[in-house]
PDB file of N, CA and C in Angstrom:
ATOM      1  N   UNK A   1      71.900 169.541  26.340  1.00  0.00           N
ATOM      2  CA  UNK A   1      71.929 168.528  27.392  1.00  0.00           C
ATOM      3  C   UNK A   1      71.135 168.971  28.619  1.00  0.00           C
ATOM      4  N   UNK A   2      71.253 170.246  28.954  1.00  0.00           N
ATOM      5  CA  UNK A   2      70.527 170.744  30.124  1.00  0.00           C
ATOM      6  C   UNK A   2      69.020 170.679  29.894  1.00  0.00           C
ATOM      7  N   UNK A   3      68.581 171.064  28.698  1.00  0.00           N
ATOM      8  CA  UNK A   3      67.152 171.011  28.382  1.00  0.00           C
ATOM      9  C   UNK A   3      66.658 169.565  28.418  1.00  0.00           C
ATOM     10  N   UNK A   4      67.467 168.659  27.896  1.00  0.00           N
ATOM     11  CA  UNK A   4      67.099 167.249  27.896  1.00  0.00           C
ATOM     12  C   UNK A   4      66.942 166.736  29.324  1.00  0.00           C
ATOM     13  N   UNK A   5      67.856 167.120  30.205  1.00  0.00           N
ATOM     14  CA  UNK A   5      67.763 166.690  31.598  1.00  0.00           C
ATOM     15  C   UNK A   5      66.508 167.251  32.265  1.00  0.00           C
ATOM     16  N   UNK A   6      66.197 168.497  31.998  1.00  0.00           N
ATOM     17  CA  UNK A   6      64.998 169.105  32.593  1.00  0.00           C
ATOM     18  C   UNK A   6      63.740 168.369  32.132  1.00  0.00           C
ATOM     19  N   UNK A   7      63.689 168.007  30.858  1.00  0.00           N
ATOM     20  CA  UNK A   7      62.540 167.270  30.329  1.00  0.00           C
ATOM     21  C   UNK A   7      62.465 165.882  30.957  1.00  0.00           C
ATOM     22  N   UNK A   8      63.613 165.230  31.125  1.00  0.00           N
ATOM     23  CA  UNK A   8      63.626 163.916  31.755  1.00  0.00           C
ATOM     24  C   UNK A   8      63.121 163.988  33.195  1.00  0.00           C
ATOM     25  N   UNK A   9      63.488 165.025  33.913  1.00  0.00           N
ATOM     26  CA  UNK A   9      63.049 165.179  35.298  1.00  0.00           C
ATOM     27  C   UNK A   9      61.536 165.351  35.341  1.00  0.00           C
ATOM     28  N   UNK A  10      60.993 166.115  34.420  1.00  0.00           N
ATOM     29  CA  UNK A  10      59.538 166.262  34.352  1.00  0.00           C
ATOM     30  C   UNK A  10      58.881 164.906  34.104  1.00  0.00           C
ATOM     31  N   UNK A  11      59.490 164.122  33.233  1.00  0.00           N
ATOM     32  CA  UNK A  11      58.965 162.781  32.933  1.00  0.00           C
ATOM     33  C   UNK A  11      59.001 161.910  34.186  1.00  0.00           C
ATOM     34  N   UNK A  12      60.113 161.915  34.934  1.00  0.00           N
ATOM     35  CA  UNK A  12      60.229 161.108  36.152  1.00  0.00           C
ATOM     36  C   UNK A  12      59.143 161.473  37.151  1.00  0.00           C
ATOM     37  N   UNK A  13      58.802 162.745  37.202  1.00  0.00           N
ATOM     38  CA  UNK A  13      57.817 163.233  38.164  1.00  0.00           C
ATOM     39  C   UNK A  13      56.407 163.290  37.587  1.00  0.00           C
ATOM     40  N   UNK A  14      56.243 162.691  36.408  1.00  0.00           N
ATOM     41  CA  UNK A  14      54.937 162.617  35.744  1.00  0.00           C
ATOM     42  C   UNK A  14      54.308 164.001  35.575  1.00  0.00           C
ATOM     43  N   UNK A  15      55.124 164.945  35.120  1.00  0.00           N
ATOM     44  CA  UNK A  15      54.667 166.317  34.907  1.00  0.00           C
ATOM     45  C   UNK A  15      55.067 166.779  33.499  1.00  0.00           C
ATOM     46  N   UNK A  16      54.830 165.921  32.516  1.00  0.00           N
ATOM     47  CA  UNK A  16      55.254 166.200  31.153  1.00  0.00           C
ATOM     48  C   UNK A  16      54.658 167.473  30.562  1.00  0.00           C
ATOM     49  N   UNK A  17      53.516 167.907  31.055  1.00  0.00           N
ATOM     50  CA  UNK A  17      52.846 169.081  30.494  1.00  0.00           C
ATOM     51  C   UNK A  17      53.284 170.381  31.152  1.00  0.00           C
ATOM     52  N   UNK A  18      54.291 170.325  31.992  1.00  0.00           N
ATOM     53  CA  UNK A  18      54.770 171.518  32.670  1.00  0.00           C
ATOM     54  C   UNK A  18      56.083 171.982  32.056  1.00  0.00           C
ATOM     55  N   UNK A  19      56.513 173.137  32.478  1.00  0.00           N
ATOM     56  CA  UNK A  19      57.784 173.700  32.019  1.00  0.00           C
ATOM     57  C   UNK A  19      58.727 173.722  33.209  1.00  0.00           C
ATOM     58  N   UNK A  20      59.966 173.314  32.962  1.00  0.00           N
ATOM     59  CA  UNK A  20      60.980 173.344  34.025  1.00  0.00           C
ATOM     60  C   UNK A  20      62.278 173.869  33.435  1.00  0.00           C
ATOM     61  N   UNK A  21      62.909 174.719  34.168  1.00  0.00           N
ATOM     62  CA  UNK A  21      64.226 175.211  33.782  1.00  0.00           C
ATOM     63  C   UNK A  21      65.289 174.354  34.435  1.00  0.00           C
ATOM     64  N   UNK A  22      66.407 174.199  33.769  1.00  0.00           N
ATOM     65  CA  UNK A  22      67.494 173.376  34.278  1.00  0.00           C
ATOM     66  C   UNK A  22      67.926 173.833  35.670  1.00  0.00           C
ATOM     67  N   UNK A  23      67.931 175.135  35.888  1.00  0.00           N
ATOM     68  CA  UNK A  23      68.370 175.668  37.183  1.00  0.00           C
ATOM     69  C   UNK A  23      67.432 175.258  38.325  1.00  0.00           C
ATOM     70  N   UNK A  24      66.248 174.725  37.969  1.00  0.00           N
ATOM     71  CA  UNK A  24      65.249 174.351  38.975  1.00  0.00           C
ATOM     72  C   UNK A  24      65.141 172.847  39.217  1.00  0.00           C
ATOM     73  N   UNK A  25      66.068 172.054  38.697  1.00  0.00           N
ATOM     74  CA  UNK A  25      65.911 170.607  38.840  1.00  0.00           C
ATOM     75  C   UNK A  25      66.304 170.093  40.223  1.00  0.00           C
ATOM     76  N   UNK A  26      66.887 170.945  41.040  1.00  0.00           N
ATOM     77  CA  UNK A  26      67.144 170.612  42.433  1.00  0.00           C
ATOM     78  C   UNK A  26      67.989 169.373  42.636  1.00  0.00           C
ATOM     79  N   UNK A  27      67.529 168.495  43.507  1.00  0.00           N
ATOM     80  CA  UNK A  27      68.280 167.303  43.890  1.00  0.00           C
ATOM     81  C   UNK A  27      68.535 166.384  42.701  1.00  0.00           C
ATOM     82  N   UNK A  28      67.714 166.492  41.674  1.00  0.00           N
ATOM     83  CA  UNK A  28      67.918 165.649  40.495  1.00  0.00           C
ATOM     84  C   UNK A  28      69.209 165.984  39.769  1.00  0.00           C
ATOM     85  N   UNK A  29      69.751 167.177  40.009  1.00  0.00           N
ATOM     86  CA  UNK A  29      71.060 167.512  39.437  1.00  0.00           C
ATOM     87  C   UNK A  29      72.090 166.498  39.908  1.00  0.00           C
ATOM     88  N   UNK A  30      72.075 166.204  41.197  1.00  0.00           N
ATOM     89  CA  UNK A  30      73.021 165.227  41.742  1.00  0.00           C
ATOM     90  C   UNK A  30      72.686 163.804  41.292  1.00  0.00           C
ATOM     91  N   UNK A  31      71.418 163.454  41.380  1.00  0.00           N
ATOM     92  CA  UNK A  31      71.002 162.091  41.053  1.00  0.00           C
ATOM     93  C   UNK A  31      71.346 161.736  39.611  1.00  0.00           C
ATOM     94  N   UNK A  32      71.073 162.632  38.679  1.00  0.00           N
ATOM     95  CA  UNK A  32      71.306 162.325  37.263  1.00  0.00           C
ATOM     96  C   UNK A  32      72.786 162.290  36.900  1.00  0.00           C
ATOM     97  N   UNK A  33      73.632 162.832  37.747  1.00  0.00           N
ATOM     98  CA  UNK A  33      75.064 162.815  37.465  1.00  0.00           C
ATOM     99  C   UNK A  33      75.782 161.609  38.070  1.00  0.00           C
ATOM    100  N   UNK A  34      75.054 160.770  38.761  1.00  0.00           N
ATOM    101  CA  UNK A  34      75.648 159.536  39.274  1.00  0.00           C
ATOM    102  C   UNK A  34      75.497 158.485  38.188  1.00  0.00           C
ATOM    103  N   UNK A  35      76.603 158.082  37.641  1.00  0.00           N
ATOM    104  CA  UNK A  35      76.599 157.160  36.508  1.00  0.00           C
ATOM    105  C   UNK A  35      76.293 155.720  36.906  1.00  0.00           C
ATOM    106  N   UNK A  36      76.628 155.340  38.127  1.00  0.00           N
ATOM    107  CA  UNK A  36      76.433 153.974  38.589  1.00  0.00           C
ATOM    108  C   UNK A  36      74.987 153.781  39.054  1.00  0.00           C
ATOM    109  N   UNK A  37      74.144 153.322  38.157  1.00  0.00           N
ATOM    110  CA  UNK A  37      72.717 153.147  38.462  1.00  0.00           C
ATOM    111  C   UNK A  37      72.497 152.072  39.517  1.00  0.00           C
ATOM    112  N   UNK A  38      73.388 151.092  39.591  1.00  0.00           N
ATOM    113  CA  UNK A  38      73.277 150.047  40.613  1.00  0.00           C
ATOM    114  C   UNK A  38      73.496 150.652  42.005  1.00  0.00           C
ATOM    115  N   UNK A  39      74.388 151.619  42.103  1.00  0.00           N
ATOM    116  CA  UNK A  39      74.615 152.317  43.359  1.00  0.00           C
ATOM    117  C   UNK A  39      73.336 153.025  43.816  1.00  0.00           C
ATOM    118  N   UNK A  40      72.669 153.682  42.883  1.00  0.00           N
ATOM    119  CA  UNK A  40      71.412 154.363  43.199  1.00  0.00           C
ATOM    120  C   UNK A  40      70.350 153.364  43.647  1.00  0.00           C
ATOM    121  N   UNK A  41      70.237 152.271  42.910  1.00  0.00           N
ATOM    122  CA  UNK A  41      69.238 151.252  43.254  1.00  0.00           C
ATOM    123  C   UNK A  41      69.521 150.659  44.633  1.00  0.00           C
ATOM    124  N   UNK A  42      70.789 150.375  44.910  1.00  0.00           N
ATOM    125  CA  UNK A  42      71.148 149.830  46.218  1.00  0.00           C
ATOM    126  C   UNK A  42      70.821 150.811  47.335  1.00  0.00           C
ATOM    127  N   UNK A  43      71.010 152.105  47.076  1.00  0.00           N
ATOM    128  CA  UNK A  43      70.730 153.112  48.098  1.00  0.00           C
ATOM    129  C   UNK A  43      69.244 153.122  48.452  1.00  0.00           C
ATOM    130  N   UNK A  44      68.400 153.204  47.424  1.00  0.00           N
ATOM    131  CA  UNK A  44      66.971 153.289  47.751  1.00  0.00           C
ATOM    132  C   UNK A  44      66.458 151.974  48.342  1.00  0.00           C
ATOM    133  N   UNK A  45      67.003 150.849  47.903  1.00  0.00           N
ATOM    134  CA  UNK A  45      66.572 149.568  48.482  1.00  0.00           C
ATOM    135  C   UNK A  45      67.027 149.441  49.931  1.00  0.00           C
ATOM    136  N   UNK A  46      68.204 149.969  50.249  1.00  0.00           N
ATOM    137  CA  UNK A  46      68.684 149.950  51.632  1.00  0.00           C
ATOM    138  C   UNK A  46      67.752 150.772  52.517  1.00  0.00           C
ATOM    139  N   UNK A  47      67.313 151.908  52.003  1.00  0.00           N
ATOM    140  CA  UNK A  47      66.469 152.803  52.787  1.00  0.00           C
ATOM    141  C   UNK A  47      65.006 152.355  52.818  1.00  0.00           C
ATOM    142  N   UNK A  48      64.501 151.895  51.675  1.00  0.00           N
ATOM    143  CA  UNK A  48      63.063 151.639  51.535  1.00  0.00           C
ATOM    144  C   UNK A  48      62.702 150.170  51.348  1.00  0.00           C
ATOM    145  N   UNK A  49      63.695 149.313  51.282  1.00  0.00           N
ATOM    146  CA  UNK A  49      63.456 147.898  51.000  1.00  0.00           C
ATOM    147  C   UNK A  49      62.379 147.242  51.852  1.00  0.00           C
ATOM    148  N   UNK A  50      62.398 147.424  53.169  1.00  0.00           N
ATOM    149  CA  UNK A  50      61.359 146.800  53.990  1.00  0.00           C
ATOM    150  C   UNK A  50      59.949 147.285  53.638  1.00  0.00           C
ATOM    151  N   UNK A  51      59.814 148.551  53.255  1.00  0.00           N
ATOM    152  CA  UNK A  51      58.495 149.066  52.864  1.00  0.00           C
ATOM    153  C   UNK A  51      58.065 148.501  51.516  1.00  0.00           C
ATOM    154  N   UNK A  52      59.006 148.453  50.584  1.00  0.00           N
ATOM    155  CA  UNK A  52      58.711 147.899  49.260  1.00  0.00           C
ATOM    156  C   UNK A  52      58.258 146.454  49.403  1.00  0.00           C
ATOM    157  N   UNK A  53      58.956 145.686  50.229  1.00  0.00           N
ATOM    158  CA  UNK A  53      58.595 144.281  50.445  1.00  0.00           C
ATOM    159  C   UNK A  53      57.245 144.149  51.145  1.00  0.00           C
ATOM    160  N   UNK A  54      57.007 144.978  52.142  1.00  0.00           N
ATOM    161  CA  UNK A  54      55.716 144.928  52.850  1.00  0.00           C
ATOM    162  C   UNK A  54      54.568 145.251  51.899  1.00  0.00           C
ATOM    163  N   UNK A  55      54.766 146.233  51.032  1.00  0.00           N
ATOM    164  CA  UNK A  55      53.726 146.584  50.062  1.00  0.00           C
ATOM    165  C   UNK A  55      53.509 145.468  49.048  1.00  0.00           C
ATOM    166  N   UNK A  56      54.563 144.761  48.723  1.00  0.00           N
ATOM    167  CA  UNK A  56      54.464 143.679  47.745  1.00  0.00           C
ATOM    168  C   UNK A  56      53.604 142.539  48.284  1.00  0.00           C
ATOM    169  N   UNK A  57      53.654 142.306  49.605  1.00  0.00           N
ATOM    170  CA  UNK A  57      52.954 141.175  50.197  1.00  0.00           C
ATOM    171  C   UNK A  57      51.650 141.538  50.888  1.00  0.00           C
ATOM    172  N   UNK A  58      51.331 142.814  50.937  1.00  0.00           N
ATOM    173  CA  UNK A  58      50.049 143.237  51.494  1.00  0.00           C
ATOM    174  C   UNK A  58      49.616 144.503  50.760  1.00  0.00           C
ATOM    175  N   UNK A  59      48.429 144.945  51.020  1.00  0.00           N
ATOM    176  CA  UNK A  59      47.967 146.151  50.331  1.00  0.00           C
ATOM    177  C   UNK A  59      47.923 147.337  51.296  1.00  0.00           C
ATOM    178  N   UNK A  60      48.969 147.445  52.138  1.00  0.00           N
ATOM    179  CA  UNK A  60      49.043 148.525  53.107  1.00  0.00           C
ATOM    180  C   UNK A  60      49.455 149.860  52.525  1.00  0.00           C
ATOM    181  N   UNK A  61      50.023 149.866  51.330  1.00  0.00           N
ATOM    182  CA  UNK A  61      50.467 151.085  50.654  1.00  0.00           C
ATOM    183  C   UNK A  61      51.353 151.932  51.566  1.00  0.00           C
ATOM    184  N   UNK A  62      52.330 151.300  52.171  1.00  0.00           N
ATOM    185  CA  UNK A  62      53.212 152.013  53.094  1.00  0.00           C
ATOM    186  C   UNK A  62      54.122 152.994  52.362  1.00  0.00           C
ATOM    187  N   UNK A  63      54.631 152.614  51.197  1.00  0.00           N
ATOM    188  CA  UNK A  63      55.467 153.543  50.421  1.00  0.00           C
ATOM    189  C   UNK A  63      54.661 154.777  50.036  1.00  0.00           C
ATOM    190  N   UNK A  64      53.455 154.555  49.544  1.00  0.00           N
ATOM    191  CA  UNK A  64      52.599 155.674  49.153  1.00  0.00           C
ATOM    192  C   UNK A  64      52.247 156.571  50.322  1.00  0.00           C
ATOM    193  N   UNK A  65      52.052 155.958  51.477  1.00  0.00           N
ATOM    194  CA  UNK A  65      51.739 156.724  52.681  1.00  0.00           C
ATOM    195  C   UNK A  65      52.913 157.612  53.077  1.00  0.00           C
ATOM    196  N   UNK A  66      54.104 157.041  53.096  1.00  0.00           N
ATOM    197  CA  UNK A  66      55.273 157.819  53.489  1.00  0.00           C
ATOM    198  C   UNK A  66      55.586 158.902  52.464  1.00  0.00           C
ATOM    199  N   UNK A  67      55.434 158.574  51.206  1.00  0.00           N
ATOM    200  CA  UNK A  67      55.674 159.573  50.161  1.00  0.00           C
ATOM    201  C   UNK A  67      54.698 160.741  50.294  1.00  0.00           C
ATOM    202  N   UNK A  68      53.443 160.436  50.567  1.00  0.00           N
ATOM    203  CA  UNK A  68      52.445 161.492  50.744  1.00  0.00           C
ATOM    204  C   UNK A  68      52.768 162.328  51.987  1.00  0.00           C
ATOM    205  N   UNK A  69      53.245 161.695  53.011  1.00  0.00           N
ATOM    206  CA  UNK A  69      53.666 162.388  54.233  1.00  0.00           C
ATOM    207  C   UNK A  69      54.755 163.416  53.908  1.00  0.00           C
ATOM    208  N   UNK A  70      55.713 163.015  53.097  1.00  0.00           N
ATOM    209  CA  UNK A  70      56.777 163.940  52.706  1.00  0.00           C
ATOM    210  C   UNK A  70      56.246 165.039  51.784  1.00  0.00           C
ATOM    211  N   UNK A  71      55.355 164.687  50.882  1.00  0.00           N
ATOM    212  CA  UNK A  71      54.786 165.688  49.969  1.00  0.00           C
ATOM    213  C   UNK A  71      53.996 166.752  50.717  1.00  0.00           C
ATOM    214  N   UNK A  72      53.547 166.420  51.914  1.00  0.00           N
ATOM    215  CA  UNK A  72      52.804 167.383  52.732  1.00  0.00           C
ATOM    216  C   UNK A  72      53.658 167.890  53.900  1.00  0.00           C
ATOM    217  N   UNK A  73      54.964 167.967  53.646  1.00  0.00           N
ATOM    218  CA  UNK A  73      55.914 168.547  54.608  1.00  0.00           C
ATOM    219  C   UNK A  73      55.824 167.921  55.996  1.00  0.00           C
ATOM    220  N   UNK A  74      55.681 166.597  56.017  1.00  0.00           N
ATOM    221  CA  UNK A  74      55.621 165.818  57.263  1.00  0.00           C
ATOM    222  C   UNK A  74      54.444 166.214  58.149  1.00  0.00           C
ATOM    223  N   UNK A  75      53.374 166.647  57.516  1.00  0.00           N
ATOM    224  CA  UNK A  75      52.145 166.968  58.231  1.00  0.00           C
ATOM    225  C   UNK A  75      51.202 165.774  58.072  1.00  0.00           C
ATOM    226  N   UNK A  76      51.084 164.980  59.134  1.00  0.00           N
ATOM    227  CA  UNK A  76      50.307 163.744  59.073  1.00  0.00           C
ATOM    228  C   UNK A  76      48.830 164.005  58.787  1.00  0.00           C
ATOM    229  N   UNK A  77      48.271 165.057  59.361  1.00  0.00           N
ATOM    230  CA  UNK A  77      46.853 165.348  59.135  1.00  0.00           C
ATOM    231  C   UNK A  77      46.575 165.710  57.680  1.00  0.00           C
ATOM    232  N   UNK A  78      47.424 166.522  57.088  1.00  0.00           N
ATOM    233  CA  UNK A  78      47.241 166.894  55.680  1.00  0.00           C
ATOM    234  C   UNK A  78      47.452 165.691  54.763  1.00  0.00           C
ATOM    235  N   UNK A  79      48.435 164.875  55.081  1.00  0.00           N
ATOM    236  CA  UNK A  79      48.677 163.661  54.288  1.00  0.00           C
ATOM    237  C   UNK A  79      47.491 162.714  54.381  1.00  0.00           C
ATOM    238  N   UNK A  80      46.911 162.588  55.564  1.00  0.00           N
ATOM    239  CA  UNK A  80      45.734 161.726  55.751  1.00  0.00           C
ATOM    240  C   UNK A  80      44.575 162.223  54.893  1.00  0.00           C
ATOM    241  N   UNK A  81      44.356 163.529  54.877  1.00  0.00           N
ATOM    242  CA  UNK A  81      43.290 164.091  54.040  1.00  0.00           C
ATOM    243  C   UNK A  81      43.533 163.770  52.572  1.00  0.00           C
ATOM    244  N   UNK A  82      44.765 163.924  52.128  1.00  0.00           N
ATOM    245  CA  UNK A  82      45.096 163.658  50.720  1.00  0.00           C
ATOM    246  C   UNK A  82      44.909 162.184  50.369  1.00  0.00           C
ATOM    247  N   UNK A  83      45.128 161.305  51.331  1.00  0.00           N
ATOM    248  CA  UNK A  83      44.968 159.864  51.105  1.00  0.00           C
ATOM    249  C   UNK A  83      43.542 159.383  51.371  1.00  0.00           C
ATOM    250  N   UNK A  84      42.686 160.295  51.863  1.00  0.00           N
ATOM    251  CA  UNK A  84      41.306 159.957  52.201  1.00  0.00           C
ATOM    252  C   UNK A  84      41.239 158.864  53.264  1.00  0.00           C
ATOM    253  N   UNK A  85      42.097 159.016  54.282  1.00  0.00           N
ATOM    254  CA  UNK A  85      42.081 158.084  55.407  1.00  0.00           C
ATOM    255  C   UNK A  85      41.953 158.893  56.699  1.00  0.00           C
ATOM    256  N   UNK A  86      41.542 158.228  57.756  1.00  0.00           N
ATOM    257  CA  UNK A  86      41.416 158.882  59.064  1.00  0.00           C
ATOM    258  C   UNK A  86      42.814 159.193  59.607  1.00  0.00           C
ATOM    259  N   UNK A  87      42.932 160.260  60.357  1.00  0.00           N
ATOM    260  CA  UNK A  87      44.244 160.655  60.877  1.00  0.00           C
ATOM    261  C   UNK A  87      44.832 159.595  61.800  1.00  0.00           C
ATOM    262  N   UNK A  88      43.981 158.844  62.506  1.00  0.00           N
ATOM    263  CA  UNK A  88      44.500 157.760  63.354  1.00  0.00           C
ATOM    264  C   UNK A  88      45.074 156.624  62.506  1.00  0.00           C
ATOM    265  N   UNK A  89      44.457 156.380  61.364  1.00  0.00           N
ATOM    266  CA  UNK A  89      44.993 155.384  60.423  1.00  0.00           C
ATOM    267  C   UNK A  89      46.350 155.841  59.924  1.00  0.00           C
ATOM    268  N   UNK A  90      46.473 157.119  59.639  1.00  0.00           N
ATOM    269  CA  UNK A  90      47.750 157.685  59.188  1.00  0.00           C
ATOM    270  C   UNK A  90      48.812 157.519  60.269  1.00  0.00           C
ATOM    271  N   UNK A  91      48.466 157.849  61.475  1.00  0.00           N
ATOM    272  CA  UNK A  91      49.433 157.734  62.576  1.00  0.00           C
ATOM    273  C   UNK A  91      49.843 156.264  62.796  1.00  0.00           C
ATOM    274  N   UNK A  92      48.881 155.357  62.682  1.00  0.00           N
ATOM    275  CA  UNK A  92      49.187 153.927  62.805  1.00  0.00           C
ATOM    276  C   UNK A  92      50.169 153.500  61.713  1.00  0.00           C
ATOM    277  N   UNK A  93      49.893 153.921  60.486  1.00  0.00           N
ATOM    278  CA  UNK A  93      50.782 153.558  59.375  1.00  0.00           C
ATOM    279  C   UNK A  93      52.182 154.132  59.579  1.00  0.00           C
ATOM    280  N   UNK A  94      52.266 155.380  60.022  1.00  0.00           N
ATOM    281  CA  UNK A  94      53.577 155.995  60.240  1.00  0.00           C
ATOM    282  C   UNK A  94      54.360 155.257  61.323  1.00  0.00           C
ATOM    283  N   UNK A  95      53.686 154.812  62.368  1.00  0.00           N
ATOM    284  CA  UNK A  95      54.348 154.019  63.410  1.00  0.00           C
ATOM    285  C   UNK A  95      54.839 152.691  62.839  1.00  0.00           C
ATOM    286  N   UNK A  96      54.004 152.077  62.025  1.00  0.00           N
ATOM    287  CA  UNK A  96      54.380 150.803  61.397  1.00  0.00           C
ATOM    288  C   UNK A  96      55.585 151.003  60.478  1.00  0.00           C
ATOM    289  N   UNK A  97      55.550 152.072  59.683  1.00  0.00           N
ATOM    290  CA  UNK A  97      56.653 152.391  58.771  1.00  0.00           C
ATOM    291  C   UNK A  97      57.933 152.607  59.557  1.00  0.00           C
ATOM    292  N   UNK A  98      57.851 153.412  60.599  1.00  0.00           N
ATOM    293  CA  UNK A  98      59.014 153.721  61.421  1.00  0.00           C
ATOM    294  C   UNK A  98      59.631 152.447  61.992  1.00  0.00           C
ATOM    295  N   UNK A  99      58.789 151.532  62.431  1.00  0.00           N
ATOM    296  CA  UNK A  99      59.278 150.258  62.966  1.00  0.00           C
ATOM    297  C   UNK A  99      59.933 149.389  61.911  1.00  0.00           C
ATOM    298  N   UNK A 100      59.334 149.346  60.736  1.00  0.00           N
ATOM    299  CA  UNK A 100      59.875 148.505  59.655  1.00  0.00           C
ATOM    300  C   UNK A 100      61.242 148.979  59.179  1.00  0.00           C
ATOM    301  N   UNK A 101      61.415 150.281  59.080  1.00  0.00           N
ATOM    302  CA  UNK A 101      62.670 150.812  58.526  1.00  0.00           C
ATOM    303  C   UNK A 101      63.641 151.295  59.601  1.00  0.00           C
ATOM    304  N   UNK A 102      63.229 151.178  60.857  1.00  0.00           N
ATOM    305  CA  UNK A 102      64.071 151.597  61.989  1.00  0.00           C
ATOM    306  C   UNK A 102      64.560 153.036  61.830  1.00  0.00           C
ATOM    307  N   UNK A 103      63.637 153.904  61.490  1.00  0.00           N
ATOM    308  CA  UNK A 103      63.941 155.334  61.335  1.00  0.00           C
ATOM    309  C   UNK A 103      62.942 156.144  62.139  1.00  0.00           C
ATOM    310  N   UNK A 104      63.394 157.290  62.611  1.00  0.00           N
ATOM    311  CA  UNK A 104      62.558 158.203  63.379  1.00  0.00           C
ATOM    312  C   UNK A 104      61.979 159.249  62.435  1.00  0.00           C
ATOM    313  N   UNK A 105      60.683 159.207  62.206  1.00  0.00           N
ATOM    314  CA  UNK A 105      60.048 160.139  61.272  1.00  0.00           C
ATOM    315  C   UNK A 105      59.874 161.532  61.864  1.00  0.00           C
ATOM    316  N   UNK A 106      60.355 161.734  63.087  1.00  0.00           N
ATOM    317  CA  UNK A 106      60.394 163.066  63.677  1.00  0.00           C
ATOM    318  C   UNK A 106      61.795 163.669  63.593  1.00  0.00           C
ATOM    319  N   UNK A 107      62.717 162.924  63.007  1.00  0.00           N
ATOM    320  CA  UNK A 107      64.097 163.365  62.861  1.00  0.00           C
ATOM    321  C   UNK A 107      64.300 163.874  61.434  1.00  0.00           C
ATOM    322  N   UNK A 108      64.717 165.113  61.297  1.00  0.00           N
ATOM    323  CA  UNK A 108      64.849 165.733  59.973  1.00  0.00           C
ATOM    324  C   UNK A 108      65.869 165.005  59.100  1.00  0.00           C
ATOM    325  N   UNK A 109      66.950 164.508  59.691  1.00  0.00           N
ATOM    326  CA  UNK A 109      67.954 163.799  58.897  1.00  0.00           C
ATOM    327  C   UNK A 109      67.402 162.494  58.336  1.00  0.00           C
ATOM    328  N   UNK A 110      66.674 161.750  59.161  1.00  0.00           N
ATOM    329  CA  UNK A 110      66.060 160.508  58.682  1.00  0.00           C
ATOM    330  C   UNK A 110      65.057 160.805  57.570  1.00  0.00           C
ATOM    331  N   UNK A 111      64.244 161.830  57.775  1.00  0.00           N
ATOM    332  CA  UNK A 111      63.242 162.186  56.757  1.00  0.00           C
ATOM    333  C   UNK A 111      63.899 162.637  55.457  1.00  0.00           C
ATOM    334  N   UNK A 112      64.985 163.376  55.567  1.00  0.00           N
ATOM    335  CA  UNK A 112      65.695 163.839  54.369  1.00  0.00           C
ATOM    336  C   UNK A 112      66.239 162.656  53.585  1.00  0.00           C
ATOM    337  N   UNK A 113      66.853 161.715  54.275  1.00  0.00           N
ATOM    338  CA  UNK A 113      67.400 160.535  53.599  1.00  0.00           C
ATOM    339  C   UNK A 113      66.297 159.701  52.947  1.00  0.00           C
ATOM    340  N   UNK A 114      65.198 159.528  53.649  1.00  0.00           N
ATOM    341  CA  UNK A 114      64.091 158.737  53.102  1.00  0.00           C
ATOM    342  C   UNK A 114      63.450 159.428  51.905  1.00  0.00           C
ATOM    343  N   UNK A 115      63.283 160.732  51.991  1.00  0.00           N
ATOM    344  CA  UNK A 115      62.714 161.478  50.870  1.00  0.00           C
ATOM    345  C   UNK A 115      63.636 161.398  49.663  1.00  0.00           C
ATOM    346  N   UNK A 116      64.931 161.516  49.879  1.00  0.00           N
ATOM    347  CA  UNK A 116      65.898 161.360  48.798  1.00  0.00           C
ATOM    348  C   UNK A 116      65.780 159.969  48.182  1.00  0.00           C
ATOM    349  N   UNK A 117      65.616 158.957  49.032  1.00  0.00           N
ATOM    350  CA  UNK A 117      65.482 157.585  48.529  1.00  0.00           C
ATOM    351  C   UNK A 117      64.262 157.456  47.622  1.00  0.00           C
ATOM    352  N   UNK A 118      63.163 158.149  47.936  1.00  0.00           N
ATOM    353  CA  UNK A 118      61.994 158.112  47.061  1.00  0.00           C
ATOM    354  C   UNK A 118      62.285 158.754  45.711  1.00  0.00           C
ATOM    355  N   UNK A 119      63.015 159.856  45.718  1.00  0.00           N
ATOM    356  CA  UNK A 119      63.383 160.503  44.447  1.00  0.00           C
ATOM    357  C   UNK A 119      64.273 159.574  43.619  1.00  0.00           C
ATOM    358  N   UNK A 120      65.216 158.931  44.279  1.00  0.00           N
ATOM    359  CA  UNK A 120      66.103 158.000  43.570  1.00  0.00           C
ATOM    360  C   UNK A 120      65.309 156.810  43.045  1.00  0.00           C
ATOM    361  N   UNK A 121      64.410 156.289  43.844  1.00  0.00           N
ATOM    362  CA  UNK A 121      63.568 155.148  43.434  1.00  0.00           C
ATOM    363  C   UNK A 121      62.795 155.490  42.177  1.00  0.00           C
ATOM    364  N   UNK A 122      62.170 156.654  42.181  1.00  0.00           N
ATOM    365  CA  UNK A 122      61.384 157.071  41.024  1.00  0.00           C
ATOM    366  C   UNK A 122      62.271 157.207  39.781  1.00  0.00           C
ATOM    367  N   UNK A 123      63.430 157.781  39.961  1.00  0.00           N
ATOM    368  CA  UNK A 123      64.385 157.964  38.859  1.00  0.00           C
ATOM    369  C   UNK A 123      64.836 156.615  38.305  1.00  0.00           C
ATOM    370  N   UNK A 124      65.238 155.717  39.188  1.00  0.00           N
ATOM    371  CA  UNK A 124      65.725 154.395  38.761  1.00  0.00           C
ATOM    372  C   UNK A 124      64.619 153.609  38.062  1.00  0.00           C
ATOM    373  N   UNK A 125      63.428 153.601  38.643  1.00  0.00           N
ATOM    374  CA  UNK A 125      62.325 152.848  38.037  1.00  0.00           C
ATOM    375  C   UNK A 125      61.942 153.409  36.673  1.00  0.00           C
ATOM    376  N   UNK A 126      61.997 154.703  36.515  1.00  0.00           N
ATOM    377  CA  UNK A 126      61.677 155.312  35.219  1.00  0.00           C
ATOM    378  C   UNK A 126      62.754 154.960  34.209  1.00  0.00           C
ATOM    379  N   UNK A 127      64.002 154.919  34.638  1.00  0.00           N
ATOM    380  CA  UNK A 127      65.109 154.571  33.740  1.00  0.00           C
ATOM    381  C   UNK A 127      64.987 153.132  33.255  1.00  0.00           C
ATOM    382  N   UNK A 128      64.439 152.258  34.109  1.00  0.00           N
ATOM    383  CA  UNK A 128      64.325 150.847  33.763  1.00  0.00           C
ATOM    384  C   UNK A 128      63.142 150.553  32.835  1.00  0.00           C
ATOM    385  N   UNK A 129      62.161 151.445  32.822  1.00  0.00           N
ATOM    386  CA  UNK A 129      60.969 151.179  32.003  1.00  0.00           C
ATOM    387  C   UNK A 129      61.082 151.754  30.612  1.00  0.00           C
TER     388      UNK A 129
END
């Protein structure tokens, strides 16, 4: 079961060609043990719903921008480079994101919750496909 979970986590993160030990699955240990998938979906929609909706109706890629921001340890300049956008564009998007979700992206607790919501979103969407 542990090996199966580790493989599933690699699949969720689109890293099927890598090796992962069960002891290294991190936050996914908690996520995969929550049996109520609707609870997980409601959590990420509560946190990220305005961004998901904004992305659905425009091509601003706000979810992708915020996810990249987290992947680069909340370093806006590095995230901008990875997205191939100007740093001012990145800062504009982060301000827009912050306004849409009413969260402070300079607050570690807000960032932790939002990053967790992205992990849950990815897990739930992979489970549904």
